[in-house]
């Protein structure tokens, strides 16, 4: 029974070790991704995160603003991409397929197969 308990405790320890490493890496990725920090501040945070990983990550997460300029840019880009995708209708896709068929780029069986896939 002791072997099973040791194994479970080892798995729990391993889980928390992996999570701590993932938080550490995520803080570094976020630090280098941000545009609102100067190079000097990034260097200071890098040193703090490297020399005091646990407390550095905790301090970084507490002091980081909820929304940064980089986050706003990413959100705006995602919304623009979503609107662009929504602007394409099934009728537009069918018209493009018909043009490809008429131009000879695809065969009639390919056209029928793609048309069935679009309408499904």
Foldseek 3Di string as FASTA:
>chain_A
DVVVVVVVVVVVVVVVVVVLVVLLVVLLVVLVQAPVDDPVVSVVLVVLCVPPVPVSSVVSVVPDDPAGPSNVVVVVVVVVVVVVVVVDDLVNVLVVLVVCCVVVVDDPVVSVVVNVVSVD
